Amino acid sequence: MPTHVIEKNVTDERGTLLAFVEAQRGGLRRALLGLTDEQAALKPSASELSLGGLVKHVAQAELNWLRLAQGRGAETEQDPSSWADGFRLLEGETVAGVLAHWEKVAAETEEFIRSVPSLEDTFPLPEAPWFPADSRVSMRWLLLHLVEEFARHAGHADVIRESLDGKTAFELVAEAAQASGSGDGA
């Protein structure tokens, strides 16, 4: 892990979980540092994944999970014919636009999580063959699932970025810290 999550208040479980979610978001965002939209669309391996597509996917995934937790249903529904579109930038979509959208989703996620009465509050999982029927999960589960989702794709992003120009996650953390003047790579 190229960054360290600082627990600001040991009694603030929400804050700690949100900090881990944000740390993984940071890994994905940093993978795009200094790249053009064209570079972010490249697929330098046998995989169909690109950096732009990964960031689009995680932004959509976070928004869908947030809407489910809010009891509003998934924001976007995909079927087998449109599934791949969630992993690539389409005509008119840009990295900057996807990142701006994700920033709004992230702020809404934090606001929502801080507003729920308890991390033990639950919401139903959607009907799908991979979820047990009539299952519910907690807000804590939601945050841990986002960490899992983002971490998995941050690893993909590390490999893709290194394949594009040789830059590693550690180098990108240093570049981000230098650009922000913060020294922490956030």
C-alpha atoms as a PDB file:
ATOM      1  CA  MET A   1       0.000   0.000   0.000  1.00  0.00           C
ATOM      2  CA  PRO A   2       1.721   3.212  -1.095  1.00  0.00           C
ATOM      3  CA  THR A   3      -0.196   5.459   1.337  1.00  0.00           C
ATOM      4  CA  HIS A   4      -0.986   5.090   5.010  1.00  0.00           C
ATOM      5  CA  VAL A   5      -4.485   5.746   6.332  1.00  0.00           C
ATOM      6  CA  ILE A   6      -4.351   7.867   9.445  1.00  0.00           C
ATOM      7  CA  GLU A   7      -7.075   7.204  11.993  1.00  0.00           C
ATOM      8  CA  LYS A   8      -7.908  10.702  13.208  1.00  0.00           C
ATOM      9  CA  ASN A   9     -10.239   9.638  16.008  1.00  0.00           C
ATOM     10  CA  VAL A  10     -10.222   6.073  17.326  1.00  0.00           C
ATOM     11  CA  THR A  11     -13.838   6.450  18.464  1.00  0.00           C
ATOM     12  CA  ASP A  12     -15.069   7.499  14.982  1.00  0.00           C
ATOM     13  CA  GLU A  13     -15.624   4.212  13.164  1.00  0.00           C
ATOM     14  CA  ARG A  14     -17.421   5.968  10.310  1.00  0.00           C
ATOM     15  CA  GLY A  15     -14.533   8.348   9.832  1.00  0.00           C
ATOM     16  CA  THR A  16     -12.010   5.520   9.821  1.00  0.00           C
ATOM     17  CA  LEU A  17     -13.987   3.467   7.299  1.00  0.00           C
ATOM     18  CA  LEU A  18     -14.553   6.537   5.099  1.00  0.00           C
ATOM     19  CA  ALA A  19     -10.802   7.259   5.256  1.00  0.00           C
ATOM     20  CA  PHE A  20     -10.033   3.754   3.964  1.00  0.00           C
ATOM     21  CA  VAL A  21     -12.599   4.182   1.171  1.00  0.00           C
ATOM     22  CA  GLU A  22     -11.000   7.509   0.234  1.00  0.00           C
ATOM     23  CA  ALA A  23      -7.491   6.026   0.294  1.00  0.00           C
ATOM     24  CA  GLN A  24      -8.523   3.474  -2.314  1.00  0.00           C
ATOM     25  CA  ARG A  25     -10.238   6.161  -4.412  1.00  0.00           C
ATOM     26  CA  GLY A  26      -6.936   8.033  -4.286  1.00  0.00           C
ATOM     27  CA  GLY A  27      -5.062   5.073  -5.751  1.00  0.00           C
ATOM     28  CA  LEU A  28      -7.383   5.023  -8.741  1.00  0.00           C
ATOM     29  CA  ARG A  29      -7.308   8.798  -9.234  1.00  0.00           C
ATOM     30  CA  ARG A  30      -3.505   8.905  -9.036  1.00  0.00           C
ATOM     31  CA  ALA A  31      -3.209   6.275 -11.772  1.00  0.00           C
ATOM     32  CA  LEU A  32      -4.561   8.928 -14.149  1.00  0.00           C
ATOM     33  CA  LEU A  33      -2.100  11.674 -13.177  1.00  0.00           C
ATOM     34  CA  GLY A  34      -0.648  13.408 -16.206  1.00  0.00           C
ATOM     35  CA  LEU A  35      -2.439  11.248 -18.775  1.00  0.00           C
ATOM     36  CA  THR A  36      -4.512  12.467 -21.686  1.00  0.00           C
ATOM     37  CA  ASP A  37      -7.969  11.056 -22.393  1.00  0.00           C
ATOM     38  CA  GLU A  38      -6.403   9.087 -25.222  1.00  0.00           C
ATOM     39  CA  GLN A  39      -3.779   7.535 -22.936  1.00  0.00           C
ATOM     40  CA  ALA A  40      -6.444   6.791 -20.311  1.00  0.00           C
ATOM     41  CA  ALA A  41      -8.390   4.846 -22.963  1.00  0.00           C
ATOM     42  CA  LEU A  42      -5.456   2.600 -23.883  1.00  0.00           C
ATOM     43  CA  LYS A  43      -5.576  -1.117 -23.070  1.00  0.00           C
ATOM     44  CA  PRO A  44      -1.910  -2.139 -22.820  1.00  0.00           C
ATOM     45  CA  SER A  45      -2.545  -5.756 -21.879  1.00  0.00           C
ATOM     46  CA  ALA A  46      -4.675  -8.715 -22.897  1.00  0.00           C
ATOM     47  CA  SER A  47      -7.385  -7.282 -20.632  1.00  0.00           C
ATOM     48  CA  GLU A  48     -10.150  -5.036 -21.930  1.00  0.00           C
ATOM     49  CA  LEU A  49      -9.549  -2.653 -19.016  1.00  0.00           C
ATOM     50  CA  SER A  50      -8.355   0.918 -19.411  1.00  0.00           C
ATOM     51  CA  LEU A  51      -7.719   3.499 -16.708  1.00  0.00           C
ATOM     52  CA  GLY A  52     -10.541   5.746 -17.887  1.00  0.00           C
ATOM     53  CA  GLY A  53     -12.917   2.803 -17.985  1.00  0.00           C
ATOM     54  CA  LEU A  54     -11.928   1.631 -14.504  1.00  0.00           C
ATOM     55  CA  VAL A  55     -12.612   5.032 -12.997  1.00  0.00           C
ATOM     56  CA  LYS A  56     -15.945   5.255 -14.805  1.00  0.00           C
ATOM     57  CA  HIS A  57     -16.862   1.802 -13.504  1.00  0.00           C
ATOM     58  CA  VAL A  58     -16.015   2.498  -9.867  1.00  0.00           C
ATOM     59  CA  ALA A  59     -17.875   5.827  -9.933  1.00  0.00           C
ATOM     60  CA  GLN A  60     -20.970   4.069 -11.300  1.00  0.00           C
ATOM     61  CA  ALA A  61     -20.590   1.204  -8.837  1.00  0.00           C
ATOM     62  CA  GLU A  62     -20.329   3.563  -5.876  1.00  0.00           C
ATOM     63  CA  LEU A  63     -23.365   5.533  -7.012  1.00  0.00           C
ATOM     64  CA  ASN A  64     -25.399   2.365  -7.521  1.00  0.00           C
ATOM     65  CA  TRP A  65     -24.519   1.047  -4.057  1.00  0.00           C
ATOM     66  CA  LEU A  66     -25.266   4.440  -2.514  1.00  0.00           C
ATOM     67  CA  ARG A  67     -28.692   4.532  -4.176  1.00  0.00           C
ATOM     68  CA  LEU A  68     -29.444   1.005  -2.955  1.00  0.00           C
ATOM     69  CA  ALA A  69     -28.464   1.989   0.600  1.00  0.00           C
ATOM     70  CA  GLN A  70     -30.704   5.051   0.307  1.00  0.00           C
ATOM     71  CA  GLY A  71     -33.584   2.810  -0.743  1.00  0.00           C
ATOM     72  CA  ARG A  72     -33.755   4.390  -4.187  1.00  0.00           C
ATOM     73  CA  GLY A  73     -32.687   1.463  -6.368  1.00  0.00           C
ATOM     74  CA  ALA A  74     -29.663   1.320  -8.655  1.00  0.00           C
ATOM     75  CA  GLU A  75     -28.881   4.521 -10.548  1.00  0.00           C
ATOM     76  CA  THR A  76     -27.979   2.692 -13.759  1.00  0.00           C
ATOM     77  CA  GLU A  77     -29.228  -0.655 -14.912  1.00  0.00           C
ATOM     78  CA  GLN A  78     -27.043  -2.646 -17.253  1.00  0.00           C
ATOM     79  CA  ASP A  79     -27.801  -5.732 -19.243  1.00  0.00           C
ATOM     80  CA  PRO A  80     -25.368  -8.063 -21.017  1.00  0.00           C
ATOM     81  CA  SER A  81     -25.436  -5.901 -24.166  1.00  0.00           C
ATOM     82  CA  SER A  82     -24.421  -2.710 -22.298  1.00  0.00           C
ATOM     83  CA  TRP A  83     -22.198  -4.178 -19.564  1.00  0.00           C
ATOM     84  CA  ALA A  84     -18.917  -3.378 -21.359  1.00  0.00           C
ATOM     85  CA  ASP A  85     -19.940   0.282 -21.792  1.00  0.00           C
ATOM     86  CA  GLY A  86     -19.586   0.683 -18.035  1.00  0.00           C
ATOM     87  CA  PHE A  87     -15.869  -0.062 -18.392  1.00  0.00           C
ATOM     88  CA  ARG A  88     -14.967   2.392 -21.162  1.00  0.00           C
ATOM     89  CA  LEU A  89     -15.328   6.056 -21.901  1.00  0.00           C
ATOM     90  CA  LEU A  90     -17.983   6.585 -24.547  1.00  0.00           C
ATOM     91  CA  GLU A  91     -18.304   9.410 -27.077  1.00  0.00           C
ATOM     92  CA  GLY A  92     -18.397  12.703 -25.201  1.00  0.00           C
ATOM     93  CA  GLU A  93     -17.102  11.267 -21.903  1.00  0.00           C
ATOM     94  CA  THR A  94     -13.779  12.517 -20.560  1.00  0.00           C
ATOM     95  CA  VAL A  95     -11.531  11.587 -17.678  1.00  0.00           C
ATOM     96  CA  ALA A  96     -12.082  15.044 -16.179  1.00  0.00           C
ATOM     97  CA  GLY A  97     -15.849  14.605 -16.423  1.00  0.00           C
ATOM     98  CA  VAL A  98     -15.780  11.145 -14.859  1.00  0.00           C
ATOM     99  CA  LEU A  99     -13.520  12.347 -12.040  1.00  0.00           C
ATOM    100  CA  ALA A 100     -15.789  15.347 -11.362  1.00  0.00           C
ATOM    101  CA  HIS A 101     -18.820  13.054 -11.270  1.00  0.00           C
ATOM    102  CA  TRP A 102     -17.038  10.661  -8.906  1.00  0.00           C
ATOM    103  CA  GLU A 103     -16.064  13.541  -6.620  1.00  0.00           C
ATOM    104  CA  LYS A 104     -19.765  14.449  -6.264  1.00  0.00           C
ATOM    105  CA  VAL A 105     -20.684  10.806  -5.622  1.00  0.00           C
ATOM    106  CA  ALA A 106     -17.942  10.528  -2.985  1.00  0.00           C
ATOM    107  CA  ALA A 107     -19.214  13.648  -1.198  1.00  0.00           C
ATOM    108  CA  GLU A 108     -22.770  12.306  -1.275  1.00  0.00           C
ATOM    109  CA  THR A 109     -21.590   8.942   0.077  1.00  0.00           C
ATOM    110  CA  GLU A 110     -19.829  10.611   3.005  1.00  0.00           C
ATOM    111  CA  GLU A 111     -22.804  12.862   3.743  1.00  0.00           C
ATOM    112  CA  PHE A 112     -25.172   9.884   3.667  1.00  0.00           C
ATOM    113  CA  ILE A 113     -22.986   7.649   5.848  1.00  0.00           C
ATOM    114  CA  ARG A 114     -22.541  10.398   8.412  1.00  0.00           C
ATOM    115  CA  SER A 115     -26.333  10.939   8.476  1.00  0.00           C
ATOM    116  CA  VAL A 116     -27.511   7.351   9.052  1.00  0.00           C
ATOM    117  CA  PRO A 117     -28.407   6.635  12.665  1.00  0.00           C
ATOM    118  CA  SER A 118     -26.197   3.540  12.859  1.00  0.00           C
ATOM    119  CA  LEU A 119     -23.712   1.557  10.802  1.00  0.00           C
ATOM    120  CA  GLU A 120     -25.881  -1.416  11.748  1.00  0.00           C
ATOM    121  CA  ASP A 121     -28.767   0.001   9.686  1.00  0.00           C
ATOM    122  CA  THR A 122     -29.450  -2.322   6.776  1.00  0.00           C
ATOM    123  CA  PHE A 123     -30.760  -2.271   3.234  1.00  0.00           C
ATOM    124  CA  PRO A 124     -31.783  -5.112   0.921  1.00  0.00           C
ATOM    125  CA  LEU A 125     -29.435  -6.519  -1.674  1.00  0.00           C
ATOM    126  CA  PRO A 126     -30.898  -6.425  -5.165  1.00  0.00           C
ATOM    127  CA  GLU A 127     -32.322  -9.562  -6.698  1.00  0.00           C
ATOM    128  CA  ALA A 128     -29.481 -11.239  -8.567  1.00  0.00           C
ATOM    129  CA  PRO A 129     -28.299 -14.811  -8.959  1.00  0.00           C
ATOM    130  CA  TRP A 130     -25.057 -14.044  -7.090  1.00  0.00           C
ATOM    131  CA  PHE A 131     -26.815 -12.646  -3.963  1.00  0.00           C
ATOM    132  CA  PRO A 132     -28.728 -14.820  -1.514  1.00  0.00           C
ATOM    133  CA  ALA A 133     -32.477 -14.239  -1.795  1.00  0.00           C
ATOM    134  CA  ASP A 134     -33.991 -11.727   0.615  1.00  0.00           C
ATOM    135  CA  SER A 135     -30.599 -10.651   2.011  1.00  0.00           C
ATOM    136  CA  ARG A 136     -29.855  -7.422   3.782  1.00  0.00           C
ATOM    137  CA  VAL A 137     -26.494  -5.793   4.464  1.00  0.00           C
ATOM    138  CA  SER A 138     -25.377  -3.055   6.834  1.00  0.00           C
ATOM    139  CA  MET A 139     -23.955   0.373   6.142  1.00  0.00           C
ATOM    140  CA  ARG A 140     -20.675  -0.979   7.541  1.00  0.00           C
ATOM    141  CA  TRP A 141     -20.820  -3.756   4.904  1.00  0.00           C
ATOM    142  CA  LEU A 142     -21.369  -1.080   2.234  1.00  0.00           C
ATOM    143  CA  LEU A 143     -18.204   0.771   3.240  1.00  0.00           C
ATOM    144  CA  LEU A 144     -16.161  -2.409   3.433  1.00  0.00           C
ATOM    145  CA  HIS A 145     -17.504  -3.477   0.049  1.00  0.00           C
ATOM    146  CA  LEU A 146     -16.438  -0.131  -1.451  1.00  0.00           C
ATOM    147  CA  VAL A 147     -12.936  -0.631  -0.005  1.00  0.00           C
ATOM    148  CA  GLU A 148     -12.877  -4.103  -1.579  1.00  0.00           C
ATOM    149  CA  GLU A 149     -14.181  -2.869  -4.954  1.00  0.00           C
ATOM    150  CA  PHE A 150     -11.824   0.091  -5.145  1.00  0.00           C
ATOM    151  CA  ALA A 151      -8.782  -1.837  -3.918  1.00  0.00           C
ATOM    152  CA  ARG A 152      -9.287  -4.557  -6.514  1.00  0.00           C
ATOM    153  CA  HIS A 153      -9.497  -2.009  -9.294  1.00  0.00           C
ATOM    154  CA  ALA A 154      -6.681   0.136  -7.884  1.00  0.00           C
ATOM    155  CA  GLY A 155      -4.482  -2.935  -8.318  1.00  0.00           C
ATOM    156  CA  HIS A 156      -5.634  -3.232 -11.910  1.00  0.00           C
ATOM    157  CA  ALA A 157      -4.924   0.468 -12.370  1.00  0.00           C
ATOM    158  CA  ASP A 158      -1.389   0.083 -10.995  1.00  0.00           C
ATOM    159  CA  VAL A 159      -0.600  -2.611 -13.561  1.00  0.00           C
ATOM    160  CA  ILE A 160      -2.176  -0.693 -16.440  1.00  0.00           C
ATOM    161  CA  ARG A 161      -0.370   2.540 -15.557  1.00  0.00           C
ATOM    162  CA  GLU A 162       2.985   0.826 -15.174  1.00  0.00           C
ATOM    163  CA  SER A 163       2.404  -0.855 -18.547  1.00  0.00           C
ATOM    164  CA  LEU A 164       1.704   2.530 -20.160  1.00  0.00           C
ATOM    165  CA  ASP A 165       4.740   4.486 -19.014  1.00  0.00           C
ATOM    166  CA  GLY A 166       6.540   2.569 -16.280  1.00  0.00           C
ATOM    167  CA  LYS A 167       5.278   4.772 -13.427  1.00  0.00           C
ATOM    168  CA  THR A 168       4.587   2.901 -10.217  1.00  0.00           C
ATOM    169  CA  ALA A 169       2.064   3.727  -7.510  1.00  0.00           C
ATOM    170  CA  PHE A 170       4.888   5.001  -5.285  1.00  0.00           C
ATOM    171  CA  GLU A 171       6.044   7.443  -7.967  1.00  0.00           C
ATOM    172  CA  LEU A 172       2.486   8.650  -8.497  1.00  0.00           C
ATOM    173  CA  VAL A 173       1.999   9.188  -4.745  1.00  0.00           C
ATOM    174  CA  ALA A 174       5.151  11.331  -4.732  1.00  0.00           C
ATOM    175  CA  GLU A 175       3.961  13.288  -7.797  1.00  0.00           C
ATOM    176  CA  ALA A 176       0.554  13.903  -6.238  1.00  0.00           C
ATOM    177  CA  ALA A 177       2.135  15.067  -2.988  1.00  0.00           C
ATOM    178  CA  GLN A 178       4.477  17.400  -4.839  1.00  0.00           C
ATOM    179  CA  ALA A 179       1.635  18.811  -6.956  1.00  0.00           C
ATOM    180  CA  SER A 180      -0.568  19.445  -3.943  1.00  0.00           C
ATOM    181  CA  GLY A 181       2.259  20.629  -1.721  1.00  0.00           C
ATOM    182  CA  SER A 182       0.801  18.436   1.020  1.00  0.00           C
ATOM    183  CA  GLY A 183       3.489  15.796   1.210  1.00  0.00           C
ATOM    184  CA  ASP A 184       0.898  13.072   1.839  1.00  0.00           C
ATOM    185  CA  GLY A 185       0.000  11.978  -1.692  1.00  0.00           C
ATOM    186  CA  ALA A 186      -3.729  12.393  -1.163  1.00  0.00           C
END
